[in-house]
Amino acid sequence: MTAVAKANVYFDGKVISHTILFPDSSKKTLGLIYPGKFHFGTDKAERMEIVAGSCSVKLDGQQAVSNYSAGQAFEVPAKSGFDIEVQQGICEYICSFLG
């Protein structure tokens, strides 16, 4: 596998991730989300696994807001998006790109 050293930096440094590329052409990102509310769009379907901290998530097109903490995960359909909010501390995640 290959770790991309250059960070992906979003929202003035409040969301930072690093990309991991696997031999089978799959990819994941490992990241940190600092307090705030952010919207992300998706091209491919994603699975977001929370490894530390907590967040609230609302998928595009849905009214429900769900809370996630370490050990939990949620999936986002392709060609959609989600709002994610961290109220305190740092939320750490692994994002797997599906399909």
PDB file of N, CA and C in Angstrom:
ATOM      1  N   MET A   1       0.838  -1.175   0.000  1.00  0.00           N
ATOM      2  CA  MET A   1       0.000   0.000   0.000  1.00  0.00           C
ATOM      3  C   MET A   1       0.880   1.234   0.000  1.00  0.00           C
ATOM      4  N   THR A   2       0.262   2.362  -0.363  1.00  0.00           N
ATOM      5  CA  THR A   2       0.983   3.628  -0.445  1.00  0.00           C
ATOM      6  C   THR A   2       0.256   4.674   0.384  1.00  0.00           C
ATOM      7  N   ALA A   3       0.975   5.335   1.259  1.00  0.00           N
ATOM      8  CA  ALA A   3       0.418   6.445   2.027  1.00  0.00           C
ATOM      9  C   ALA A   3       0.832   7.735   1.326  1.00  0.00           C
ATOM     10  N   VAL A   4      -0.158   8.558   1.009  1.00  0.00           N
ATOM     11  CA  VAL A   4       0.128   9.839   0.365  1.00  0.00           C
ATOM     12  C   VAL A   4       0.465  10.846   1.467  1.00  0.00           C
ATOM     13  N   ALA A   5       1.685  11.355   1.448  1.00  0.00           N
ATOM     14  CA  ALA A   5       2.155  12.231   2.517  1.00  0.00           C
ATOM     15  C   ALA A   5       1.451  13.586   2.516  1.00  0.00           C
ATOM     16  N   LYS A   6       1.096  14.091   1.346  1.00  0.00           N
ATOM     17  CA  LYS A   6       0.428  15.395   1.255  1.00  0.00           C
ATOM     18  C   LYS A   6      -0.977  15.284   1.833  1.00  0.00           C
ATOM     19  N   ALA A   7      -1.282  16.134   2.797  1.00  0.00           N
ATOM     20  CA  ALA A   7      -2.589  16.111   3.456  1.00  0.00           C
ATOM     21  C   ALA A   7      -3.664  16.730   2.571  1.00  0.00           C
ATOM     22  N   ASN A   8      -4.897  16.223   2.734  1.00  0.00           N
ATOM     23  CA  ASN A   8      -6.087  16.849   2.164  1.00  0.00           C
ATOM     24  C   ASN A   8      -6.608  17.782   3.255  1.00  0.00           C
ATOM     25  N   VAL A   9      -6.642  19.082   2.987  1.00  0.00           N
ATOM     26  CA  VAL A   9      -7.038  20.055   4.000  1.00  0.00           C
ATOM     27  C   VAL A   9      -8.297  20.773   3.518  1.00  0.00           C
ATOM     28  N   TYR A  10      -9.347  20.741   4.350  1.00  0.00           N
ATOM     29  CA  TYR A  10     -10.630  21.349   4.013  1.00  0.00           C
ATOM     30  C   TYR A  10     -11.036  22.325   5.115  1.00  0.00           C
ATOM     31  N   PHE A  11     -11.900  23.268   4.742  1.00  0.00           N
ATOM     32  CA  PHE A  11     -12.516  24.182   5.714  1.00  0.00           C
ATOM     33  C   PHE A  11     -11.475  24.852   6.622  1.00  0.00           C
ATOM     34  N   ASP A  12     -10.490  25.472   5.993  1.00  0.00           N
ATOM     35  CA  ASP A  12      -9.458  26.224   6.724  1.00  0.00           C
ATOM     36  C   ASP A  12      -8.743  25.384   7.773  1.00  0.00           C
ATOM     37  N   GLY A  13      -8.518  24.104   7.470  1.00  0.00           N
ATOM     38  CA  GLY A  13      -7.768  23.231   8.372  1.00  0.00           C
ATOM     39  C   GLY A  13      -8.602  22.564   9.441  1.00  0.00           C
ATOM     40  N   LYS A  14      -9.921  22.722   9.382  1.00  0.00           N
ATOM     41  CA  LYS A  14     -10.775  22.096  10.397  1.00  0.00           C
ATOM     42  C   LYS A  14     -11.086  20.639  10.083  1.00  0.00           C
ATOM     43  N   VAL A  15     -10.815  20.224   8.849  1.00  0.00           N
ATOM     44  CA  VAL A  15     -10.922  18.816   8.453  1.00  0.00           C
ATOM     45  C   VAL A  15      -9.653  18.488   7.681  1.00  0.00           C
ATOM     46  N   ILE A  16      -8.937  17.461   8.146  1.00  0.00           N
ATOM     47  CA  ILE A  16      -7.664  17.074   7.534  1.00  0.00           C
ATOM     48  C   ILE A  16      -7.642  15.563   7.384  1.00  0.00           C
ATOM     49  N   SER A  17      -7.223  15.095   6.201  1.00  0.00           N
ATOM     50  CA  SER A  17      -7.115  13.649   6.014  1.00  0.00           C
ATOM     51  C   SER A  17      -5.879  13.303   5.193  1.00  0.00           C
ATOM     52  N   HIS A  18      -5.505  12.040   5.269  1.00  0.00           N
ATOM     53  CA  HIS A  18      -4.430  11.481   4.447  1.00  0.00           C
ATOM     54  C   HIS A  18      -4.982  10.283   3.697  1.00  0.00           C
ATOM     55  N   THR A  19      -4.554  10.121   2.460  1.00  0.00           N
ATOM     56  CA  THR A  19      -5.045   9.056   1.592  1.00  0.00           C
ATOM     57  C   THR A  19      -4.115   7.847   1.654  1.00  0.00           C
ATOM     58  N   ILE A  20      -4.736   6.673   1.732  1.00  0.00           N
ATOM     59  CA  ILE A  20      -4.016   5.397   1.660  1.00  0.00           C
ATOM     60  C   ILE A  20      -4.495   4.679   0.400  1.00  0.00           C
ATOM     61  N   LEU A  21      -3.561   4.307  -0.476  1.00  0.00           N
ATOM     62  CA  LEU A  21      -3.879   3.597  -1.717  1.00  0.00           C
ATOM     63  C   LEU A  21      -3.451   2.144  -1.582  1.00  0.00           C
ATOM     64  N   PHE A  22      -4.348   1.223  -1.967  1.00  0.00           N
ATOM     65  CA  PHE A  22      -4.082  -0.208  -1.841  1.00  0.00           C
ATOM     66  C   PHE A  22      -3.778  -0.823  -3.202  1.00  0.00           C
ATOM     67  N   PRO A  23      -3.043  -1.962  -3.228  1.00  0.00           N
ATOM     68  CA  PRO A  23      -2.666  -2.598  -4.488  1.00  0.00           C
ATOM     69  C   PRO A  23      -3.859  -2.970  -5.375  1.00  0.00           C
ATOM     70  N   ASP A  24      -5.029  -3.215  -4.775  1.00  0.00           N
ATOM     71  CA  ASP A  24      -6.209  -3.580  -5.574  1.00  0.00           C
ATOM     72  C   ASP A  24      -6.939  -2.345  -6.121  1.00  0.00           C
ATOM     73  N   SER A  25      -6.314  -1.168  -6.038  1.00  0.00           N
ATOM     74  CA  SER A  25      -6.838   0.117  -6.510  1.00  0.00           C
ATOM     75  C   SER A  25      -7.891   0.731  -5.591  1.00  0.00           C
ATOM     76  N   SER A  26      -8.165   0.095  -4.447  1.00  0.00           N
ATOM     77  CA  SER A  26      -9.092   0.713  -3.498  1.00  0.00           C
ATOM     78  C   SER A  26      -8.355   1.805  -2.732  1.00  0.00           C
ATOM     79  N   LYS A  27      -9.139   2.683  -2.094  1.00  0.00           N
ATOM     80  CA  LYS A  27      -8.504   3.757  -1.336  1.00  0.00           C
ATOM     81  C   LYS A  27      -9.329   4.068  -0.104  1.00  0.00           C
ATOM     82  N   LYS A  28      -8.623   4.551   0.922  1.00  0.00           N
ATOM     83  CA  LYS A  28      -9.240   4.997   2.162  1.00  0.00           C
ATOM     84  C   LYS A  28      -8.595   6.314   2.536  1.00  0.00           C
ATOM     85  N   THR A  29      -9.309   7.077   3.348  1.00  0.00           N
ATOM     86  CA  THR A  29      -8.689   8.254   3.943  1.00  0.00           C
ATOM     87  C   THR A  29      -8.805   8.135   5.453  1.00  0.00           C
ATOM     88  N   LEU A  30      -7.784   8.606   6.133  1.00  0.00           N
ATOM     89  CA  LEU A  30      -7.746   8.636   7.591  1.00  0.00           C
ATOM     90  C   LEU A  30      -7.746  10.109   7.972  1.00  0.00           C
ATOM     91  N   GLY A  31      -8.698  10.519   8.815  1.00  0.00           N
ATOM     92  CA  GLY A  31      -8.792  11.942   9.047  1.00  0.00           C
ATOM     93  C   GLY A  31      -9.241  12.377  10.415  1.00  0.00           C
ATOM     94  N   LEU A  32      -9.165  13.701  10.596  1.00  0.00           N
ATOM     95  CA  LEU A  32      -9.564  14.383  11.821  1.00  0.00           C
ATOM     96  C   LEU A  32     -10.560  15.474  11.463  1.00  0.00           C
ATOM     97  N   ILE A  33     -11.595  15.611  12.289  1.00  0.00           N
ATOM     98  CA  ILE A  33     -12.554  16.697  12.124  1.00  0.00           C
ATOM     99  C   ILE A  33     -12.604  17.468  13.440  1.00  0.00           C
ATOM    100  N   TYR A  34     -12.273  18.755  13.369  1.00  0.00           N
ATOM    101  CA  TYR A  34     -12.308  19.627  14.536  1.00  0.00           C
ATOM    102  C   TYR A  34     -13.721  20.195  14.697  1.00  0.00           C
ATOM    103  N   PRO A  35     -14.040  20.785  15.826  1.00  0.00           N
ATOM    104  CA  PRO A  35     -15.399  21.293  16.050  1.00  0.00           C
ATOM    105  C   PRO A  35     -15.883  22.222  14.939  1.00  0.00           C
ATOM    106  N   GLY A  36     -17.132  21.999  14.535  1.00  0.00           N
ATOM    107  CA  GLY A  36     -17.766  22.794  13.488  1.00  0.00           C
ATOM    108  C   GLY A  36     -18.778  21.952  12.752  1.00  0.00           C
ATOM    109  N   LYS A  37     -19.449  22.569  11.780  1.00  0.00           N
ATOM    110  CA  LYS A  37     -20.430  21.873  10.949  1.00  0.00           C
ATOM    111  C   LYS A  37     -19.988  22.009   9.503  1.00  0.00           C
ATOM    112  N   PHE A  38     -19.931  20.884   8.791  1.00  0.00           N
ATOM    113  CA  PHE A  38     -19.365  20.854   7.446  1.00  0.00           C
ATOM    114  C   PHE A  38     -20.250  20.010   6.527  1.00  0.00           C
ATOM    115  N   HIS A  39     -20.241  20.339   5.235  1.00  0.00           N
ATOM    116  CA  HIS A  39     -20.970  19.532   4.248  1.00  0.00           C
ATOM    117  C   HIS A  39     -19.972  18.948   3.256  1.00  0.00           C
ATOM    118  N   PHE A  40     -20.131  17.656   2.982  1.00  0.00           N
ATOM    119  CA  PHE A  40     -19.296  16.963   2.002  1.00  0.00           C
ATOM    120  C   PHE A  40     -20.172  16.339   0.935  1.00  0.00           C
ATOM    121  N   GLY A  41     -19.753  16.450  -0.312  1.00  0.00           N
ATOM    122  CA  GLY A  41     -20.399  15.756  -1.414  1.00  0.00           C
ATOM    123  C   GLY A  41     -19.649  14.474  -1.705  1.00  0.00           C
ATOM    124  N   THR A  42     -20.351  13.496  -2.265  1.00  0.00           N
ATOM    125  CA  THR A  42     -19.716  12.228  -2.590  1.00  0.00           C
ATOM    126  C   THR A  42     -19.830  11.943  -4.075  1.00  0.00           C
ATOM    127  N   ASP A  43     -18.811  11.346  -4.632  1.00  0.00           N
ATOM    128  CA  ASP A  43     -18.876  10.829  -6.001  1.00  0.00           C
ATOM    129  C   ASP A  43     -19.178   9.335  -5.892  1.00  0.00           C
ATOM    130  N   LYS A  44     -18.305   8.626  -5.191  1.00  0.00           N
ATOM    131  CA  LYS A  44     -18.519   7.201  -4.930  1.00  0.00           C
ATOM    132  C   LYS A  44     -19.192   7.029  -3.570  1.00  0.00           C
ATOM    133  N   ALA A  45     -19.820   5.880  -3.377  1.00  0.00           N
ATOM    134  CA  ALA A  45     -20.387   5.566  -2.067  1.00  0.00           C
ATOM    135  C   ALA A  45     -19.242   5.478  -1.055  1.00  0.00           C
ATOM    136  N   GLU A  46     -19.525   5.864   0.191  1.00  0.00           N
ATOM    137  CA  GLU A  46     -18.509   5.876   1.239  1.00  0.00           C
ATOM    138  C   GLU A  46     -19.026   5.215   2.509  1.00  0.00           C
ATOM    139  N   ARG A  47     -18.099   4.638   3.243  1.00  0.00           N
ATOM    140  CA  ARG A  47     -18.382   4.145   4.594  1.00  0.00           C
ATOM    141  C   ARG A  47     -17.477   4.926   5.529  1.00  0.00           C
ATOM    142  N   MET A  48     -18.086   5.645   6.461  1.00  0.00           N
ATOM    143  CA  MET A  48     -17.343   6.450   7.429  1.00  0.00           C
ATOM    144  C   MET A  48     -17.363   5.731   8.772  1.00  0.00           C
ATOM    145  N   GLU A  49     -16.187   5.312   9.212  1.00  0.00           N
ATOM    146  CA  GLU A  49     -16.030   4.605  10.484  1.00  0.00           C
ATOM    147  C   GLU A  49     -15.425   5.576  11.495  1.00  0.00           C
ATOM    148  N   ILE A  50     -16.109   5.796  12.596  1.00  0.00           N
ATOM    149  CA  ILE A  50     -15.616   6.709  13.622  1.00  0.00           C
ATOM    150  C   ILE A  50     -14.703   5.919  14.568  1.00  0.00           C
ATOM    151  N   VAL A  51     -13.462   6.376  14.712  1.00  0.00           N
ATOM    152  CA  VAL A  51     -12.507   5.646  15.551  1.00  0.00           C
ATOM    153  C   VAL A  51     -12.223   6.344  16.878  1.00  0.00           C
ATOM    154  N   ALA A  52     -12.567   7.632  16.984  1.00  0.00           N
ATOM    155  CA  ALA A  52     -12.416   8.360  18.248  1.00  0.00           C
ATOM    156  C   ALA A  52     -13.288   9.609  18.171  1.00  0.00           C
ATOM    157  N   GLY A  53     -13.786  10.029  19.332  1.00  0.00           N
ATOM    158  CA  GLY A  53     -14.636  11.206  19.371  1.00  0.00           C
ATOM    159  C   GLY A  53     -16.054  10.878  18.954  1.00  0.00           C
ATOM    160  N   SER A  54     -16.808  11.934  18.597  1.00  0.00           N
ATOM    161  CA  SER A  54     -18.205  11.742  18.198  1.00  0.00           C
ATOM    162  C   SER A  54     -18.620  12.831  17.219  1.00  0.00           C
ATOM    163  N   CYS A  55     -19.741  12.571  16.521  1.00  0.00           N
ATOM    164  CA  CYS A  55     -20.258  13.514  15.539  1.00  0.00           C
ATOM    165  C   CYS A  55     -21.748  13.281  15.340  1.00  0.00           C
ATOM    166  N   SER A  56     -22.397  14.264  14.730  1.00  0.00           N
ATOM    167  CA  SER A  56     -23.790  14.151  14.312  1.00  0.00           C
ATOM    168  C   SER A  56     -23.800  14.237  12.791  1.00  0.00           C
ATOM    169  N   VAL A  57     -24.640  13.419  12.146  1.00  0.00           N
ATOM    170  CA  VAL A  57     -24.643  13.335  10.683  1.00  0.00           C
ATOM    171  C   VAL A  57     -26.072  13.397  10.154  1.00  0.00           C
ATOM    172  N   LYS A  58     -26.257  14.190   9.084  1.00  0.00           N
ATOM    173  CA  LYS A  58     -27.524  14.199   8.360  1.00  0.00           C
ATOM    174  C   LYS A  58     -27.210  13.956   6.897  1.00  0.00           C
ATOM    175  N   LEU A  59     -27.726  12.841   6.363  1.00  0.00           N
ATOM    176  CA  LEU A  59     -27.518  12.524   4.956  1.00  0.00           C
ATOM    177  C   LEU A  59     -28.390  13.422   4.094  1.00  0.00           C
ATOM    178  N   ASP A  60     -27.901  13.796   2.907  1.00  0.00           N
ATOM    179  CA  ASP A  60     -28.687  14.612   1.983  1.00  0.00           C
ATOM    180  C   ASP A  60     -30.026  13.934   1.713  1.00  0.00           C
ATOM    181  N   GLY A  61     -31.076  14.730   1.677  1.00  0.00           N
ATOM    182  CA  GLY A  61     -32.403  14.213   1.367  1.00  0.00           C
ATOM    183  C   GLY A  61     -33.133  13.602   2.552  1.00  0.00           C
ATOM    184  N   GLN A  62     -32.510  13.574   3.714  1.00  0.00           N
ATOM    185  CA  GLN A  62     -33.151  13.023   4.905  1.00  0.00           C
ATOM    186  C   GLN A  62     -33.276  14.108   5.963  1.00  0.00           C
ATOM    187  N   GLN A  63     -34.282  13.975   6.810  1.00  0.00           N
ATOM    188  CA  GLN A  63     -34.475  14.933   7.894  1.00  0.00           C
ATOM    189  C   GLN A  63     -33.771  14.495   9.180  1.00  0.00           C
ATOM    190  N   ALA A  64     -33.629  13.172   9.350  1.00  0.00           N
ATOM    191  CA  ALA A  64     -33.093  12.622  10.599  1.00  0.00           C
ATOM    192  C   ALA A  64     -31.608  12.944  10.759  1.00  0.00           C
ATOM    193  N   VAL A  65     -31.243  13.292  11.984  1.00  0.00           N
ATOM    194  CA  VAL A  65     -29.839  13.484  12.356  1.00  0.00           C
ATOM    195  C   VAL A  65     -29.476  12.317  13.263  1.00  0.00           C
ATOM    196  N   SER A  66     -28.377  11.633  12.951  1.00  0.00           N
ATOM    197  CA  SER A  66     -27.920  10.493  13.752  1.00  0.00           C
ATOM    198  C   SER A  66     -26.603  10.825  14.408  1.00  0.00           C
ATOM    199  N   ASN A  67     -26.404  10.312  15.606  1.00  0.00           N
ATOM    200  CA  ASN A  67     -25.165  10.528  16.352  1.00  0.00           C
ATOM    201  C   ASN A  67     -24.294   9.278  16.271  1.00  0.00           C
ATOM    202  N   TYR A  68     -23.005   9.489  16.102  1.00  0.00           N
ATOM    203  CA  TYR A  68     -22.047   8.386  15.995  1.00  0.00           C
ATOM    204  C   TYR A  68     -20.873   8.659  16.914  1.00  0.00           C
ATOM    205  N   SER A  69     -20.327   7.588  17.473  1.00  0.00           N
ATOM    206  CA  SER A  69     -19.136   7.697  18.301  1.00  0.00           C
ATOM    207  C   SER A  69     -18.202   6.540  17.967  1.00  0.00           C
ATOM    208  N   ALA A  70     -17.059   6.494  18.652  1.00  0.00           N
ATOM    209  CA  ALA A  70     -16.028   5.484  18.363  1.00  0.00           C
ATOM    210  C   ALA A  70     -16.634   4.088  18.289  1.00  0.00           C
ATOM    211  N   GLY A  71     -16.275   3.358  17.233  1.00  0.00           N
ATOM    212  CA  GLY A  71     -16.755   1.999  17.029  1.00  0.00           C
ATOM    213  C   GLY A  71     -18.003   1.925  16.169  1.00  0.00           C
ATOM    214  N   GLN A  72     -18.565   3.066  15.788  1.00  0.00           N
ATOM    215  CA  GLN A  72     -19.755   3.082  14.950  1.00  0.00           C
ATOM    216  C   GLN A  72     -19.402   3.584  13.551  1.00  0.00           C
ATOM    217  N   ALA A  73     -20.306   3.325  12.585  1.00  0.00           N
ATOM    218  CA  ALA A  73     -20.053   3.729  11.202  1.00  0.00           C
ATOM    219  C   ALA A  73     -21.371   4.077  10.520  1.00  0.00           C
ATOM    220  N   PHE A  74     -21.262   4.835   9.436  1.00  0.00           N
ATOM    221  CA  PHE A  74     -22.419   5.116   8.595  1.00  0.00           C
ATOM    222  C   PHE A  74     -21.988   5.087   7.137  1.00  0.00           C
ATOM    223  N   GLU A  75     -22.962   4.871   6.258  1.00  0.00           N
ATOM    224  CA  GLU A  75     -22.666   4.827   4.829  1.00  0.00           C
ATOM    225  C   GLU A  75     -23.386   5.951   4.116  1.00  0.00           C
ATOM    226  N   VAL A  76     -22.732   6.462   3.088  1.00  0.00           N
ATOM    227  CA  VAL A  76     -23.258   7.562   2.293  1.00  0.00           C
ATOM    228  C   VAL A  76     -23.367   7.067   0.848  1.00  0.00           C
ATOM    229  N   PRO A  77     -24.556   7.196   0.238  1.00  0.00           N
ATOM    230  CA  PRO A  77     -24.696   6.749  -1.147  1.00  0.00           C
ATOM    231  C   PRO A  77     -23.834   7.560  -2.117  1.00  0.00           C
ATOM    232  N   ALA A  78     -23.534   6.961  -3.260  1.00  0.00           N
ATOM    233  CA  ALA A  78     -22.807   7.664  -4.321  1.00  0.00           C
ATOM    234  C   ALA A  78     -23.625   8.846  -4.819  1.00  0.00           C
ATOM    235  N   LYS A  79     -22.935   9.858  -5.331  1.00  0.00           N
ATOM    236  CA  LYS A  79     -23.565  11.036  -5.920  1.00  0.00           C
ATOM    237  C   LYS A  79     -24.537  11.723  -4.962  1.00  0.00           C
ATOM    238  N   SER A  80     -24.150  11.821  -3.702  1.00  0.00           N
ATOM    239  CA  SER A  80     -24.988  12.506  -2.716  1.00  0.00           C
ATOM    240  C   SER A  80     -24.073  13.310  -1.797  1.00  0.00           C
ATOM    241  N   GLY A  81     -24.420  13.396  -0.533  1.00  0.00           N
ATOM    242  CA  GLY A  81     -23.586  14.138   0.402  1.00  0.00           C
ATOM    243  C   GLY A  81     -24.146  14.036   1.799  1.00  0.00           C
ATOM    244  N   PHE A  82     -23.476  14.737   2.716  1.00  0.00           N
ATOM    245  CA  PHE A  82     -23.901  14.705   4.108  1.00  0.00           C
ATOM    246  C   PHE A  82     -23.362  15.915   4.851  1.00  0.00           C
ATOM    247  N   ASP A  83     -24.117  16.305   5.890  1.00  0.00           N
ATOM    248  CA  ASP A  83     -23.658  17.300   6.844  1.00  0.00           C
ATOM    249  C   ASP A  83     -23.099  16.551   8.035  1.00  0.00           C
ATOM    250  N   ILE A  84     -21.960  16.990   8.526  1.00  0.00           N
ATOM    251  CA  ILE A  84     -21.368  16.379   9.718  1.00  0.00           C
ATOM    252  C   ILE A  84     -21.009  17.500  10.692  1.00  0.00           C
ATOM    253  N   GLU A  85     -21.335  17.275  11.960  1.00  0.00           N
ATOM    254  CA  GLU A  85     -21.054  18.278  12.982  1.00  0.00           C
ATOM    255  C   GLU A  85     -20.328  17.636  14.153  1.00  0.00           C
ATOM    256  N   VAL A  86     -19.252  18.287  14.567  1.00  0.00           N
ATOM    257  CA  VAL A  86     -18.510  17.897  15.764  1.00  0.00           C
ATOM    258  C   VAL A  86     -18.688  19.042  16.751  1.00  0.00           C
ATOM    259  N   GLN A  87     -19.219  18.734  17.921  1.00  0.00           N
ATOM    260  CA  GLN A  87     -19.484  19.800  18.887  1.00  0.00           C
ATOM    261  C   GLN A  87     -18.300  20.088  19.794  1.00  0.00           C
ATOM    262  N   GLN A  88     -17.520  19.045  20.117  1.00  0.00           N
ATOM    263  CA  GLN A  88     -16.357  19.273  20.977  1.00  0.00           C
ATOM    264  C   GLN A  88     -15.311  18.200  20.722  1.00  0.00           C
ATOM    265  N   GLY A  89     -14.080  18.529  21.054  1.00  0.00           N
ATOM    266  CA  GLY A  89     -12.988  17.574  20.854  1.00  0.00           C
ATOM    267  C   GLY A  89     -12.689  17.382  19.376  1.00  0.00           C
ATOM    268  N   ILE A  90     -12.101  16.254  19.067  1.00  0.00           N
ATOM    269  CA  ILE A  90     -11.741  15.908  17.691  1.00  0.00           C
ATOM    270  C   ILE A  90     -12.393  14.580  17.353  1.00  0.00           C
ATOM    271  N   CYS A  91     -13.027  14.505  16.195  1.00  0.00           N
ATOM    272  CA  CYS A  91     -13.591  13.246  15.692  1.00  0.00           C
ATOM    273  C   CYS A  91     -12.576  12.671  14.705  1.00  0.00           C
ATOM    274  N   GLU A  92     -12.157  11.433  14.942  1.00  0.00           N
ATOM    275  CA  GLU A  92     -11.213  10.762  14.049  1.00  0.00           C
ATOM    276  C   GLU A  92     -11.970   9.690  13.264  1.00  0.00           C
ATOM    277  N   TYR A  93     -11.651   9.566  11.986  1.00  0.00           N
ATOM    278  CA  TYR A  93     -12.415   8.644  11.138  1.00  0.00           C
ATOM    279  C   TYR A  93     -11.529   7.928  10.120  1.00  0.00           C
ATOM    280  N   ILE A  94     -12.089   6.842   9.597  1.00  0.00           N
ATOM    281  CA  ILE A  94     -11.553   6.153   8.425  1.00  0.00           C
ATOM    282  C   ILE A  94     -12.669   6.147   7.402  1.00  0.00           C
ATOM    283  N   CYS A  95     -12.406   6.684   6.229  1.00  0.00           N
ATOM    284  CA  CYS A  95     -13.389   6.696   5.152  1.00  0.00           C
ATOM    285  C   CYS A  95     -12.945   5.675   4.103  1.00  0.00           C
ATOM    286  N   SER A  96     -13.830   4.700   3.844  1.00  0.00           N
ATOM    287  CA  SER A  96     -13.595   3.706   2.800  1.00  0.00           C
ATOM    288  C   SER A  96     -14.465   4.067   1.601  1.00  0.00           C
ATOM    289  N   PHE A  97     -13.875   4.102   0.426  1.00  0.00           N
ATOM    290  CA  PHE A  97     -14.608   4.391  -0.790  1.00  0.00           C
ATOM    291  C   PHE A  97     -15.097   3.069  -1.357  1.00  0.00           C
ATOM    292  N   LEU A  98     -16.413   2.928  -1.494  1.00  0.00           N
ATOM    293  CA  LEU A  98     -17.028   1.657  -1.873  1.00  0.00           C
ATOM    294  C   LEU A  98     -17.286   1.604  -3.371  1.00  0.00           C
ATOM    295  N   GLY A  99     -17.250   0.376  -3.895  1.00  0.00           N
ATOM    296  CA  GLY A  99     -17.636   0.169  -5.306  1.00  0.00           C
ATOM    297  C   GLY A  99     -16.646   0.532  -6.306  1.00  0.00           C
TER     298      GLY A  99
END
